[in-house]
């Protein structure tokens, strides 16, 4: 079990990237899913989102879940099996809300953060 596994049921996390232009921290609140030592998020804005542009330039990020802060390395998911796993995890977690998230599940860009231990 990884350090963040007990926090998998929290409703959101805070992802902090380094601004690609300013170099300053850029913090967002975002939905997430955890599988082993990897945290997954889906970017509805795909690669147009500032946070995605930031992590492409500087993959070192921090993730806050509850009161715990973790360091990680972010990446765009490019393997088809991992892509589907990320989509499945997040849709299963947040689709229970009664909202139709099928379009979001299908069209978002999967992003992974690998936990640095």
PDB file of N, CA and C in Angstrom:
ATOM      1  N   UNK A   1       0.848  -1.177   0.000  1.00  0.00           N
ATOM      2  CA  UNK A   1       0.000   0.000   0.000  1.00  0.00           C
ATOM      3  C   UNK A   1       0.899   1.248   0.000  1.00  0.00           C
ATOM      4  N   UNK A   2       0.557   2.208  -0.854  1.00  0.00           N
ATOM      5  CA  UNK A   2       1.344   3.442  -0.904  1.00  0.00           C
ATOM      6  C   UNK A   2       0.858   4.422   0.146  1.00  0.00           C
ATOM      7  N   UNK A   3       1.641   5.461   0.332  1.00  0.00           N
ATOM      8  CA  UNK A   3       1.329   6.470   1.344  1.00  0.00           C
ATOM      9  C   UNK A   3      -0.015   7.153   1.097  1.00  0.00           C
ATOM     10  N   UNK A   4      -0.401   7.300  -0.170  1.00  0.00           N
ATOM     11  CA  UNK A   4      -1.654   8.038  -0.393  1.00  0.00           C
ATOM     12  C   UNK A   4      -2.869   7.139  -0.582  1.00  0.00           C
ATOM     13  N   UNK A   5      -2.687   5.831  -0.591  1.00  0.00           N
ATOM     14  CA  UNK A   5      -3.807   4.904  -0.766  1.00  0.00           C
ATOM     15  C   UNK A   5      -4.929   5.104   0.262  1.00  0.00           C
ATOM     16  N   UNK A   6      -4.639   5.345   1.550  1.00  0.00           N
ATOM     17  CA  UNK A   6      -5.735   5.536   2.511  1.00  0.00           C
ATOM     18  C   UNK A   6      -6.582   6.784   2.226  1.00  0.00           C
ATOM     19  N   UNK A   7      -6.091   7.664   1.358  1.00  0.00           N
ATOM     20  CA  UNK A   7      -6.791   8.917   1.061  1.00  0.00           C
ATOM     21  C   UNK A   7      -7.597   8.836  -0.231  1.00  0.00           C
ATOM     22  N   UNK A   8      -7.692   7.661  -0.824  1.00  0.00           N
ATOM     23  CA  UNK A   8      -8.324   7.507  -2.147  1.00  0.00           C
ATOM     24  C   UNK A   8      -9.779   7.951  -2.181  1.00  0.00           C
ATOM     25  N   UNK A   9     -10.475   7.944  -1.048  1.00  0.00           N
ATOM     26  CA  UNK A   9     -11.888   8.308  -1.034  1.00  0.00           C
ATOM     27  C   UNK A   9     -12.144   9.794  -0.797  1.00  0.00           C
ATOM     28  N   UNK A  10     -11.085  10.563  -0.584  1.00  0.00           N
ATOM     29  CA  UNK A  10     -11.267  12.019  -0.477  1.00  0.00           C
ATOM     30  C   UNK A  10     -11.894  12.507  -1.784  1.00  0.00           C
ATOM     31  N   UNK A  11     -12.644  13.602  -1.728  1.00  0.00           N
ATOM     32  CA  UNK A  11     -13.382  14.055  -2.898  1.00  0.00           C
ATOM     33  C   UNK A  11     -12.535  14.801  -3.925  1.00  0.00           C
ATOM     34  N   UNK A  12     -11.477  15.421  -3.492  1.00  0.00           N
ATOM     35  CA  UNK A  12     -10.621  16.158  -4.419  1.00  0.00           C
ATOM     36  C   UNK A  12      -9.231  16.270  -3.839  1.00  0.00           C
ATOM     37  N   UNK A  13      -8.305  16.686  -4.685  1.00  0.00           N
ATOM     38  CA  UNK A  13      -6.945  16.969  -4.239  1.00  0.00           C
ATOM     39  C   UNK A  13      -6.571  18.351  -4.766  1.00  0.00           C
ATOM     40  N   UNK A  14      -5.452  18.847  -4.290  1.00  0.00           N
ATOM     41  CA  UNK A  14      -4.889  20.092  -4.802  1.00  0.00           C
ATOM     42  C   UNK A  14      -3.575  19.747  -5.489  1.00  0.00           C
ATOM     43  N   UNK A  15      -3.485  20.126  -6.743  1.00  0.00           N
ATOM     44  CA  UNK A  15      -2.289  19.902  -7.534  1.00  0.00           C
ATOM     45  C   UNK A  15      -1.578  21.237  -7.695  1.00  0.00           C
ATOM     46  N   UNK A  16      -0.287  21.278  -7.363  1.00  0.00           N
ATOM     47  CA  UNK A  16       0.506  22.486  -7.556  1.00  0.00           C
ATOM     48  C   UNK A  16       1.584  22.215  -8.581  1.00  0.00           C
ATOM     49  N   UNK A  17       1.527  22.995  -9.656  1.00  0.00           N
ATOM     50  CA  UNK A  17       2.527  22.941 -10.721  1.00  0.00           C
ATOM     51  C   UNK A  17       3.350  24.223 -10.646  1.00  0.00           C
ATOM     52  N   UNK A  18       4.415  24.265 -11.426  1.00  0.00           N
ATOM     53  CA  UNK A  18       5.230  25.479 -11.537  1.00  0.00           C
ATOM     54  C   UNK A  18       4.826  26.186 -12.818  1.00  0.00           C
ATOM     55  N   UNK A  19       4.466  27.459 -12.691  1.00  0.00           N
ATOM     56  CA  UNK A  19       4.052  28.230 -13.859  1.00  0.00           C
ATOM     57  C   UNK A  19       5.128  28.222 -14.938  1.00  0.00           C
ATOM     58  N   UNK A  20       4.739  27.902 -16.148  1.00  0.00           N
ATOM     59  CA  UNK A  20       5.708  27.779 -17.238  1.00  0.00           C
ATOM     60  C   UNK A  20       6.286  29.121 -17.657  1.00  0.00           C
ATOM     61  N   UNK A  21       5.581  30.218 -17.386  1.00  0.00           N
ATOM     62  CA  UNK A  21       6.049  31.556 -17.741  1.00  0.00           C
ATOM     63  C   UNK A  21       6.599  32.275 -16.514  1.00  0.00           C
ATOM     64  N   UNK A  22       5.824  32.245 -15.416  1.00  0.00           N
ATOM     65  CA  UNK A  22       6.178  33.007 -14.218  1.00  0.00           C
ATOM     66  C   UNK A  22       7.142  32.283 -13.294  1.00  0.00           C
ATOM     67  N   UNK A  23       7.103  30.937 -13.329  1.00  0.00           N
ATOM     68  CA  UNK A  23       7.913  30.171 -12.388  1.00  0.00           C
ATOM     69  C   UNK A  23       7.295  30.106 -11.002  1.00  0.00           C
ATOM     70  N   UNK A  24       6.120  30.706 -10.828  1.00  0.00           N
ATOM     71  CA  UNK A  24       5.439  30.706  -9.529  1.00  0.00           C
ATOM     72  C   UNK A  24       4.529  29.487  -9.397  1.00  0.00           C
ATOM     73  N   UNK A  25       4.239  29.082  -8.169  1.00  0.00           N
ATOM     74  CA  UNK A  25       3.341  27.952  -7.955  1.00  0.00           C
ATOM     75  C   UNK A  25       1.941  28.242  -8.516  1.00  0.00           C
ATOM     76  N   UNK A  26       1.332  27.237  -9.118  1.00  0.00           N
ATOM     77  CA  UNK A  26      -0.019  27.324  -9.673  1.00  0.00           C
ATOM     78  C   UNK A  26      -0.808  26.158  -9.084  1.00  0.00           C
ATOM     79  N   UNK A  27      -1.801  26.468  -8.243  1.00  0.00           N
ATOM     80  CA  UNK A  27      -2.522  25.441  -7.478  1.00  0.00           C
ATOM     81  C   UNK A  27      -3.962  25.338  -7.967  1.00  0.00           C
ATOM     82  N   UNK A  28      -4.399  24.106  -8.207  1.00  0.00           N
ATOM     83  CA  UNK A  28      -5.786  23.875  -8.602  1.00  0.00           C
ATOM     84  C   UNK A  28      -6.405  22.794  -7.726  1.00  0.00           C
ATOM     85  N   UNK A  29      -7.716  22.846  -7.603  1.00  0.00           N
ATOM     86  CA  UNK A  29      -8.477  21.778  -6.960  1.00  0.00           C
ATOM     87  C   UNK A  29      -9.002  20.896  -8.080  1.00  0.00           C
ATOM     88  N   UNK A  30      -8.852  19.565  -7.935  1.00  0.00           N
ATOM     89  CA  UNK A  30      -9.228  18.675  -9.031  1.00  0.00           C
ATOM     90  C   UNK A  30      -9.635  17.304  -8.509  1.00  0.00           C
ATOM     91  N   UNK A  31     -10.517  16.656  -9.254  1.00  0.00           N
ATOM     92  CA  UNK A  31     -10.894  15.273  -8.958  1.00  0.00           C
ATOM     93  C   UNK A  31      -9.733  14.346  -9.285  1.00  0.00           C
ATOM     94  N   UNK A  32      -9.681  13.212  -8.604  1.00  0.00           N
ATOM     95  CA  UNK A  32      -8.565  12.285  -8.798  1.00  0.00           C
ATOM     96  C   UNK A  32      -8.979  10.854  -8.506  1.00  0.00           C
ATOM     97  N   UNK A  33      -8.169   9.940  -8.983  1.00  0.00           N
ATOM     98  CA  UNK A  33      -8.286   8.527  -8.664  1.00  0.00           C
ATOM     99  C   UNK A  33      -6.895   7.985  -8.398  1.00  0.00           C
ATOM    100  N   UNK A  34      -6.799   6.971  -7.559  1.00  0.00           N
ATOM    101  CA  UNK A  34      -5.502   6.394  -7.200  1.00  0.00           C
ATOM    102  C   UNK A  34      -5.469   4.924  -7.587  1.00  0.00           C
ATOM    103  N   UNK A  35      -4.354   4.534  -8.187  1.00  0.00           N
ATOM    104  CA  UNK A  35      -4.103   3.131  -8.495  1.00  0.00           C
ATOM    105  C   UNK A  35      -2.643   2.860  -8.154  1.00  0.00           C
ATOM    106  N   UNK A  36      -2.405   2.160  -7.047  1.00  0.00           N
ATOM    107  CA  UNK A  36      -1.039   1.898  -6.603  1.00  0.00           C
ATOM    108  C   UNK A  36      -0.325   3.185  -6.236  1.00  0.00           C
ATOM    109  N   UNK A  37       0.855   3.398  -6.819  1.00  0.00           N
ATOM    110  CA  UNK A  37       1.654   4.595  -6.526  1.00  0.00           C
ATOM    111  C   UNK A  37       1.395   5.713  -7.537  1.00  0.00           C
ATOM    112  N   UNK A  38       0.290   5.596  -8.291  1.00  0.00           N
ATOM    113  CA  UNK A  38      -0.023   6.599  -9.307  1.00  0.00           C
ATOM    114  C   UNK A  38      -1.377   7.233  -9.034  1.00  0.00           C
ATOM    115  N   UNK A  39      -1.410   8.539  -9.129  1.00  0.00           N
ATOM    116  CA  UNK A  39      -2.635   9.317  -9.005  1.00  0.00           C
ATOM    117  C   UNK A  39      -3.015   9.783 -10.405  1.00  0.00           C
ATOM    118  N   UNK A  40      -4.294   9.656 -10.743  1.00  0.00           N
ATOM    119  CA  UNK A  40      -4.774  10.047 -12.068  1.00  0.00           C
ATOM    120  C   UNK A  40      -5.766  11.192 -11.969  1.00  0.00           C
ATOM    121  N   UNK A  41      -5.723  12.066 -12.966  1.00  0.00           N
ATOM    122  CA  UNK A  41      -6.671  13.159 -13.111  1.00  0.00           C
ATOM    123  C   UNK A  41      -7.078  13.215 -14.578  1.00  0.00           C
ATOM    124  N   UNK A  42      -8.224  13.829 -14.853  1.00  0.00           N
ATOM    125  CA  UNK A  42      -8.651  14.036 -16.231  1.00  0.00           C
ATOM    126  C   UNK A  42      -8.774  15.534 -16.475  1.00  0.00           C
ATOM    127  N   UNK A  43      -8.119  16.011 -17.526  1.00  0.00           N
ATOM    128  CA  UNK A  43      -8.192  17.422 -17.892  1.00  0.00           C
ATOM    129  C   UNK A  43      -9.283  17.622 -18.939  1.00  0.00           C
ATOM    130  N   UNK A  44     -10.401  18.210 -18.512  1.00  0.00           N
ATOM    131  CA  UNK A  44     -11.492  18.492 -19.439  1.00  0.00           C
ATOM    132  C   UNK A  44     -11.080  19.462 -20.531  1.00  0.00           C
ATOM    133  N   UNK A  45     -10.125  20.336 -20.217  1.00  0.00           N
ATOM    134  CA  UNK A  45      -9.609  21.284 -21.205  1.00  0.00           C
ATOM    135  C   UNK A  45      -8.480  20.706 -22.034  1.00  0.00           C
ATOM    136  N   UNK A  46      -8.240  19.400 -21.825  1.00  0.00           N
ATOM    137  CA  UNK A  46      -7.164  18.685 -22.513  1.00  0.00           C
ATOM    138  C   UNK A  46      -5.844  19.436 -22.361  1.00  0.00           C
ATOM    139  N   UNK A  47      -5.051  19.543 -23.412  1.00  0.00           N
ATOM    140  CA  UNK A  47      -3.739  20.198 -23.288  1.00  0.00           C
ATOM    141  C   UNK A  47      -3.814  21.717 -23.390  1.00  0.00           C
ATOM    142  N   UNK A  48      -5.028  22.273 -23.444  1.00  0.00           N
ATOM    143  CA  UNK A  48      -5.194  23.733 -23.404  1.00  0.00           C
ATOM    144  C   UNK A  48      -5.175  24.261 -21.965  1.00  0.00           C
ATOM    145  N   UNK A  49      -5.358  23.372 -20.999  1.00  0.00           N
ATOM    146  CA  UNK A  49      -5.384  23.780 -19.589  1.00  0.00           C
ATOM    147  C   UNK A  49      -4.010  24.253 -19.141  1.00  0.00           C
ATOM    148  N   UNK A  50      -3.989  25.359 -18.399  1.00  0.00           N
ATOM    149  CA  UNK A  50      -2.711  25.898 -17.912  1.00  0.00           C
ATOM    150  C   UNK A  50      -1.932  24.872 -17.107  1.00  0.00           C
ATOM    151  N   UNK A  51      -2.628  24.136 -16.243  1.00  0.00           N
ATOM    152  CA  UNK A  51      -1.911  23.186 -15.393  1.00  0.00           C
ATOM    153  C   UNK A  51      -1.252  22.082 -16.217  1.00  0.00           C
ATOM    154  N   UNK A  52      -1.866  21.690 -17.322  1.00  0.00           N
ATOM    155  CA  UNK A  52      -1.261  20.680 -18.196  1.00  0.00           C
ATOM    156  C   UNK A  52      -0.051  21.273 -18.911  1.00  0.00           C
ATOM    157  N   UNK A  53      -0.182  22.491 -19.405  1.00  0.00           N
ATOM    158  CA  UNK A  53       0.956  23.159 -20.056  1.00  0.00           C
ATOM    159  C   UNK A  53       2.117  23.298 -19.070  1.00  0.00           C
ATOM    160  N   UNK A  54       1.789  23.625 -17.821  1.00  0.00           N
ATOM    161  CA  UNK A  54       2.825  23.783 -16.800  1.00  0.00           C
ATOM    162  C   UNK A  54       3.566  22.470 -16.530  1.00  0.00           C
ATOM    163  N   UNK A  55       2.830  21.386 -16.357  1.00  0.00           N
ATOM    164  CA  UNK A  55       3.500  20.128 -16.011  1.00  0.00           C
ATOM    165  C   UNK A  55       4.264  19.543 -17.193  1.00  0.00           C
ATOM    166  N   UNK A  56       3.882  19.912 -18.402  1.00  0.00           N
ATOM    167  CA  UNK A  56       4.676  19.481 -19.564  1.00  0.00           C
ATOM    168  C   UNK A  56       6.064  20.118 -19.517  1.00  0.00           C
ATOM    169  N   UNK A  57       6.119  21.369 -19.060  1.00  0.00           N
ATOM    170  CA  UNK A  57       7.405  22.054 -18.977  1.00  0.00           C
ATOM    171  C   UNK A  57       8.192  21.616 -17.748  1.00  0.00           C
ATOM    172  N   UNK A  58       7.506  21.520 -16.611  1.00  0.00           N
ATOM    173  CA  UNK A  58       8.149  21.132 -15.351  1.00  0.00           C
ATOM    174  C   UNK A  58       7.306  20.037 -14.704  1.00  0.00           C
ATOM    175  N   UNK A  59       7.696  18.784 -14.867  1.00  0.00           N
ATOM    176  CA  UNK A  59       6.879  17.675 -14.360  1.00  0.00           C
ATOM    177  C   UNK A  59       6.883  17.486 -12.838  1.00  0.00           C
ATOM    178  N   UNK A  60       7.784  18.138 -12.119  1.00  0.00           N
ATOM    179  CA  UNK A  60       7.791  18.022 -10.655  1.00  0.00           C
ATOM    180  C   UNK A  60       6.600  18.794 -10.090  1.00  0.00           C
ATOM    181  N   UNK A  61       5.764  18.093  -9.318  1.00  0.00           N
ATOM    182  CA  UNK A  61       4.549  18.691  -8.773  1.00  0.00           C
ATOM    183  C   UNK A  61       4.393  18.292  -7.310  1.00  0.00           C
ATOM    184  N   UNK A  62       3.482  18.969  -6.633  1.00  0.00           N
ATOM    185  CA  UNK A  62       3.047  18.519  -5.314  1.00  0.00           C
ATOM    186  C   UNK A  62       1.545  18.268  -5.373  1.00  0.00           C
ATOM    187  N   UNK A  63       1.107  17.309  -4.566  1.00  0.00           N
ATOM    188  CA  UNK A  63      -0.298  16.948  -4.474  1.00  0.00           C
ATOM    189  C   UNK A  63      -0.679  16.969  -3.005  1.00  0.00           C
ATOM    190  N   UNK A  64      -1.736  17.701  -2.673  1.00  0.00           N
ATOM    191  CA  UNK A  64      -2.281  17.711  -1.316  1.00  0.00           C
ATOM    192  C   UNK A  64      -3.571  16.916  -1.329  1.00  0.00           C
ATOM    193  N   UNK A  65      -3.651  15.957  -0.425  1.00  0.00           N
ATOM    194  CA  UNK A  65      -4.888  15.214  -0.220  1.00  0.00           C
ATOM    195  C   UNK A  65      -5.158  15.292   1.270  1.00  0.00           C
ATOM    196  N   UNK A  66      -6.271  15.892   1.625  1.00  0.00           N
ATOM    197  CA  UNK A  66      -6.524  16.146   3.039  1.00  0.00           C
ATOM    198  C   UNK A  66      -5.450  17.083   3.559  1.00  0.00           C
ATOM    199  N   UNK A  67      -4.804  16.706   4.644  1.00  0.00           N
ATOM    200  CA  UNK A  67      -3.754  17.553   5.215  1.00  0.00           C
ATOM    201  C   UNK A  67      -2.354  17.053   4.880  1.00  0.00           C
ATOM    202  N   UNK A  68      -2.262  16.103   3.955  1.00  0.00           N
ATOM    203  CA  UNK A  68      -0.978  15.505   3.608  1.00  0.00           C
ATOM    204  C   UNK A  68      -0.509  15.993   2.251  1.00  0.00           C
ATOM    205  N   UNK A  69       0.781  16.320   2.160  1.00  0.00           N
ATOM    206  CA  UNK A  69       1.369  16.799   0.912  1.00  0.00           C
ATOM    207  C   UNK A  69       2.375  15.773   0.402  1.00  0.00           C
ATOM    208  N   UNK A  70       2.276  15.466  -0.876  1.00  0.00           N
ATOM    209  CA  UNK A  70       3.143  14.491  -1.530  1.00  0.00           C
ATOM    210  C   UNK A  70       3.881  15.150  -2.681  1.00  0.00           C
ATOM    211  N   UNK A  71       5.078  14.677  -2.963  1.00  0.00           N
ATOM    212  CA  UNK A  71       5.820  15.106  -4.146  1.00  0.00           C
ATOM    213  C   UNK A  71       5.647  14.041  -5.216  1.00  0.00           C
ATOM    214  N   UNK A  72       5.557  14.498  -6.457  1.00  0.00           N
ATOM    215  CA  UNK A  72       5.387  13.542  -7.540  1.00  0.00           C
ATOM    216  C   UNK A  72       5.930  14.065  -8.848  1.00  0.00           C
ATOM    217  N   UNK A  73       5.893  13.200  -9.822  1.00  0.00           N
ATOM    218  CA  UNK A  73       6.322  13.548 -11.182  1.00  0.00           C
ATOM    219  C   UNK A  73       5.120  13.319 -12.091  1.00  0.00           C
ATOM    220  N   UNK A  74       4.678  14.387 -12.752  1.00  0.00           N
ATOM    221  CA  UNK A  74       3.486  14.338 -13.595  1.00  0.00           C
ATOM    222  C   UNK A  74       3.850  13.995 -15.032  1.00  0.00           C
ATOM    223  N   UNK A  75       2.876  13.371 -15.703  1.00  0.00           N
ATOM    224  CA  UNK A  75       3.078  13.008 -17.109  1.00  0.00           C
ATOM    225  C   UNK A  75       1.720  12.830 -17.774  1.00  0.00           C
ATOM    226  N   UNK A  76       1.716  13.025 -19.073  1.00  0.00           N
ATOM    227  CA  UNK A  76       0.527  12.744 -19.867  1.00  0.00           C
ATOM    228  C   UNK A  76       0.493  11.235 -20.090  1.00  0.00           C
ATOM    229  N   UNK A  77      -0.652  10.634 -19.882  1.00  0.00           N
ATOM    230  CA  UNK A  77      -0.800   9.191 -20.080  1.00  0.00           C
ATOM    231  C   UNK A  77      -0.845   8.912 -21.583  1.00  0.00           C
ATOM    232  N   UNK A  78       0.014   8.001 -22.044  1.00  0.00           N
ATOM    233  CA  UNK A  78       0.043   7.712 -23.478  1.00  0.00           C
ATOM    234  C   UNK A  78      -0.157   6.239 -23.826  1.00  0.00           C
ATOM    235  N   UNK A  79      -0.139   5.357 -22.840  1.00  0.00           N
ATOM    236  CA  UNK A  79      -0.391   3.933 -23.124  1.00  0.00           C
ATOM    237  C   UNK A  79      -1.898   3.666 -23.098  1.00  0.00           C
ATOM    238  N   UNK A  80      -2.442   3.006 -24.100  1.00  0.00           N
ATOM    239  CA  UNK A  80      -3.889   2.769 -24.167  1.00  0.00           C
ATOM    240  C   UNK A  80      -4.474   2.064 -22.941  1.00  0.00           C
ATOM    241  N   UNK A  81      -3.763   1.081 -22.389  1.00  0.00           N
ATOM    242  CA  UNK A  81      -4.286   0.375 -21.218  1.00  0.00           C
ATOM    243  C   UNK A  81      -4.342   1.283 -19.995  1.00  0.00           C
ATOM    244  N   UNK A  82      -3.320   2.115 -19.824  1.00  0.00           N
ATOM    245  CA  UNK A  82      -3.303   3.045 -18.693  1.00  0.00           C
ATOM    246  C   UNK A  82      -4.319   4.162 -18.899  1.00  0.00           C
ATOM    247  N   UNK A  83      -4.473   4.600 -20.131  1.00  0.00           N
ATOM    248  CA  UNK A  83      -5.469   5.617 -20.483  1.00  0.00           C
ATOM    249  C   UNK A  83      -6.858   5.152 -20.040  1.00  0.00           C
ATOM    250  N   UNK A  84      -7.216   3.932 -20.406  1.00  0.00           N
ATOM    251  CA  UNK A  84      -8.529   3.394 -20.047  1.00  0.00           C
ATOM    252  C   UNK A  84      -8.652   3.217 -18.539  1.00  0.00           C
ATOM    253  N   UNK A  85      -7.582   2.796 -17.873  1.00  0.00           N
ATOM    254  CA  UNK A  85      -7.617   2.627 -16.413  1.00  0.00           C
ATOM    255  C   UNK A  85      -7.888   3.957 -15.724  1.00  0.00           C
ATOM    256  N   UNK A  86      -7.238   5.020 -16.165  1.00  0.00           N
ATOM    257  CA  UNK A  86      -7.450   6.350 -15.574  1.00  0.00           C
ATOM    258  C   UNK A  86      -8.901   6.781 -15.757  1.00  0.00           C
ATOM    259  N   UNK A  87      -9.425   6.635 -16.948  1.00  0.00           N
ATOM    260  CA  UNK A  87     -10.811   7.029 -17.226  1.00  0.00           C
ATOM    261  C   UNK A  87     -11.794   6.220 -16.387  1.00  0.00           C
ATOM    262  N   UNK A  88     -11.543   4.915 -16.287  1.00  0.00           N
ATOM    263  CA  UNK A  88     -12.424   4.035 -15.520  1.00  0.00           C
ATOM    264  C   UNK A  88     -12.417   4.411 -14.041  1.00  0.00           C
ATOM    265  N   UNK A  89     -11.237   4.651 -13.487  1.00  0.00           N
ATOM    266  CA  UNK A  89     -11.128   5.005 -12.058  1.00  0.00           C
ATOM    267  C   UNK A  89     -11.917   6.259 -11.722  1.00  0.00           C
ATOM    268  N   UNK A  90     -11.719   7.303 -12.514  1.00  0.00           N
ATOM    269  CA  UNK A  90     -12.381   8.569 -12.212  1.00  0.00           C
ATOM    270  C   UNK A  90     -13.873   8.511 -12.482  1.00  0.00           C
ATOM    271  N   UNK A  91     -14.267   7.851 -13.548  1.00  0.00           N
ATOM    272  CA  UNK A  91     -15.692   7.757 -13.843  1.00  0.00           C
ATOM    273  C   UNK A  91     -16.405   6.938 -12.773  1.00  0.00           C
ATOM    274  N   UNK A  92     -15.780   5.857 -12.324  1.00  0.00           N
ATOM    275  CA  UNK A  92     -16.387   5.038 -11.267  1.00  0.00           C
ATOM    276  C   UNK A  92     -16.526   5.828  -9.969  1.00  0.00           C
ATOM    277  N   UNK A  93     -15.544   6.643  -9.654  1.00  0.00           N
ATOM    278  CA  UNK A  93     -15.566   7.411  -8.405  1.00  0.00           C
ATOM    279  C   UNK A  93     -16.572   8.547  -8.447  1.00  0.00           C
ATOM    280  N   UNK A  94     -16.609   9.301  -9.522  1.00  0.00           N
ATOM    281  CA  UNK A  94     -17.436  10.513  -9.575  1.00  0.00           C
ATOM    282  C   UNK A  94     -18.745  10.336 -10.324  1.00  0.00           C
ATOM    283  N   UNK A  95     -18.882   9.273 -11.100  1.00  0.00           N
ATOM    284  CA  UNK A  95     -20.118   9.025 -11.824  1.00  0.00           C
ATOM    285  C   UNK A  95     -21.273   8.628 -10.920  1.00  0.00           C
ATOM    286  N   UNK A  96     -20.966   8.267  -9.691  1.00  0.00           N
ATOM    287  CA  UNK A  96     -21.997   7.892  -8.710  1.00  0.00           C
ATOM    288  C   UNK A  96     -22.867   9.076  -8.304  1.00  0.00           C
ATOM    289  N   UNK A  97     -22.425  10.274  -8.656  1.00  0.00           N
ATOM    290  CA  UNK A  97     -23.136  11.483  -8.232  1.00  0.00           C
ATOM    291  C   UNK A  97     -24.472  11.654  -8.939  1.00  0.00           C
ATOM    292  N   UNK A  98     -24.752  10.817  -9.945  1.00  0.00           N
ATOM    293  CA  UNK A  98     -26.003  10.945 -10.678  1.00  0.00           C
ATOM    294  C   UNK A  98     -25.878  11.820 -11.916  1.00  0.00           C
ATOM    295  N   UNK A  99     -24.742  12.513 -12.057  1.00  0.00           N
ATOM    296  CA  UNK A  99     -24.519  13.334 -13.250  1.00  0.00           C
ATOM    297  C   UNK A  99     -24.005  12.460 -14.381  1.00  0.00           C
ATOM    298  N   UNK A 100     -24.322  12.853 -15.600  1.00  0.00           N
ATOM    299  CA  UNK A 100     -23.826  12.123 -16.763  1.00  0.00           C
ATOM    300  C   UNK A 100     -22.421  12.628 -17.084  1.00  0.00           C
ATOM    301  N   UNK A 101     -21.430  11.828 -16.747  1.00  0.00           N
ATOM    302  CA  UNK A 101     -20.038  12.190 -16.970  1.00  0.00           C
ATOM    303  C   UNK A 101     -19.431  11.441 -18.153  1.00  0.00           C
ATOM    304  N   UNK A 102     -20.266  10.818 -18.969  1.00  0.00           N
ATOM    305  CA  UNK A 102     -19.746   9.999 -20.060  1.00  0.00           C
ATOM    306  C   UNK A 102     -18.951  10.822 -21.072  1.00  0.00           C
ATOM    307  N   UNK A 103     -19.376  12.028 -21.376  1.00  0.00           N
ATOM    308  CA  UNK A 103     -18.636  12.871 -22.322  1.00  0.00           C
ATOM    309  C   UNK A 103     -17.291  13.273 -21.736  1.00  0.00           C
ATOM    310  N   UNK A 104     -17.291  13.659 -20.466  1.00  0.00           N
ATOM    311  CA  UNK A 104     -16.054  14.025 -19.769  1.00  0.00           C
ATOM    312  C   UNK A 104     -15.105  12.833 -19.738  1.00  0.00           C
ATOM    313  N   UNK A 105     -15.628  11.657 -19.440  1.00  0.00           N
ATOM    314  CA  UNK A 105     -14.812  10.442 -19.395  1.00  0.00           C
ATOM    315  C   UNK A 105     -14.158  10.169 -20.746  1.00  0.00           C
ATOM    316  N   UNK A 106     -14.927  10.357 -21.808  1.00  0.00           N
ATOM    317  CA  UNK A 106     -14.480  10.026 -23.157  1.00  0.00           C
ATOM    318  C   UNK A 106     -13.499  11.065 -23.725  1.00  0.00           C
ATOM    319  N   UNK A 107     -13.739  12.347 -23.462  1.00  0.00           N
ATOM    320  CA  UNK A 107     -13.000  13.391 -24.177  1.00  0.00           C
ATOM    321  C   UNK A 107     -11.852  14.039 -23.401  1.00  0.00           C
ATOM    322  N   UNK A 108     -11.754  13.802 -22.102  1.00  0.00           N
ATOM    323  CA  UNK A 108     -10.703  14.439 -21.295  1.00  0.00           C
ATOM    324  C   UNK A 108      -9.330  13.818 -21.550  1.00  0.00           C
ATOM    325  N   UNK A 109      -8.308  14.562 -21.189  1.00  0.00           N
ATOM    326  CA  UNK A 109      -6.922  14.100 -21.319  1.00  0.00           C
ATOM    327  C   UNK A 109      -6.479  13.491 -19.987  1.00  0.00           C
ATOM    328  N   UNK A 110      -6.110  12.203 -19.952  1.00  0.00           N
ATOM    329  CA  UNK A 110      -5.635  11.599 -18.713  1.00  0.00           C
ATOM    330  C   UNK A 110      -4.210  12.050 -18.377  1.00  0.00           C
ATOM    331  N   UNK A 111      -4.032  12.421 -17.121  1.00  0.00           N
ATOM    332  CA  UNK A 111      -2.734  12.857 -16.605  1.00  0.00           C
ATOM    333  C   UNK A 111      -2.434  12.007 -15.378  1.00  0.00           C
ATOM    334  N   UNK A 112      -1.186  11.583 -15.259  1.00  0.00           N
ATOM    335  CA  UNK A 112      -0.769  10.760 -14.116  1.00  0.00           C
ATOM    336  C   UNK A 112       0.271  11.505 -13.307  1.00  0.00           C
ATOM    337  N   UNK A 113       0.252  11.270 -12.001  1.00  0.00           N
ATOM    338  CA  UNK A 113       1.323  11.718 -11.115  1.00  0.00           C
ATOM    339  C   UNK A 113       1.852  10.487 -10.407  1.00  0.00           C
ATOM    340  N   UNK A 114       3.120  10.205 -10.629  1.00  0.00           N
ATOM    341  CA  UNK A 114       3.759   9.079  -9.961  1.00  0.00           C
ATOM    342  C   UNK A 114       4.361   9.579  -8.661  1.00  0.00           C
ATOM    343  N   UNK A 115       3.997   8.924  -7.575  1.00  0.00           N
ATOM    344  CA  UNK A 115       4.456   9.299  -6.248  1.00  0.00           C
ATOM    345  C   UNK A 115       5.962   9.117  -6.111  1.00  0.00           C
ATOM    346  N   UNK A 116       6.624  10.145  -5.593  1.00  0.00           N
ATOM    347  CA  UNK A 116       8.051  10.036  -5.286  1.00  0.00           C
ATOM    348  C   UNK A 116       8.164   9.686  -3.816  1.00  0.00           C
ATOM    349  N   UNK A 117       8.812   8.590  -3.526  1.00  0.00           N
ATOM    350  CA  UNK A 117       8.904   8.139  -2.123  1.00  0.00           C
ATOM    351  C   UNK A 117      10.251   8.429  -1.536  1.00  0.00           C
TER     352      UNK A 117
END
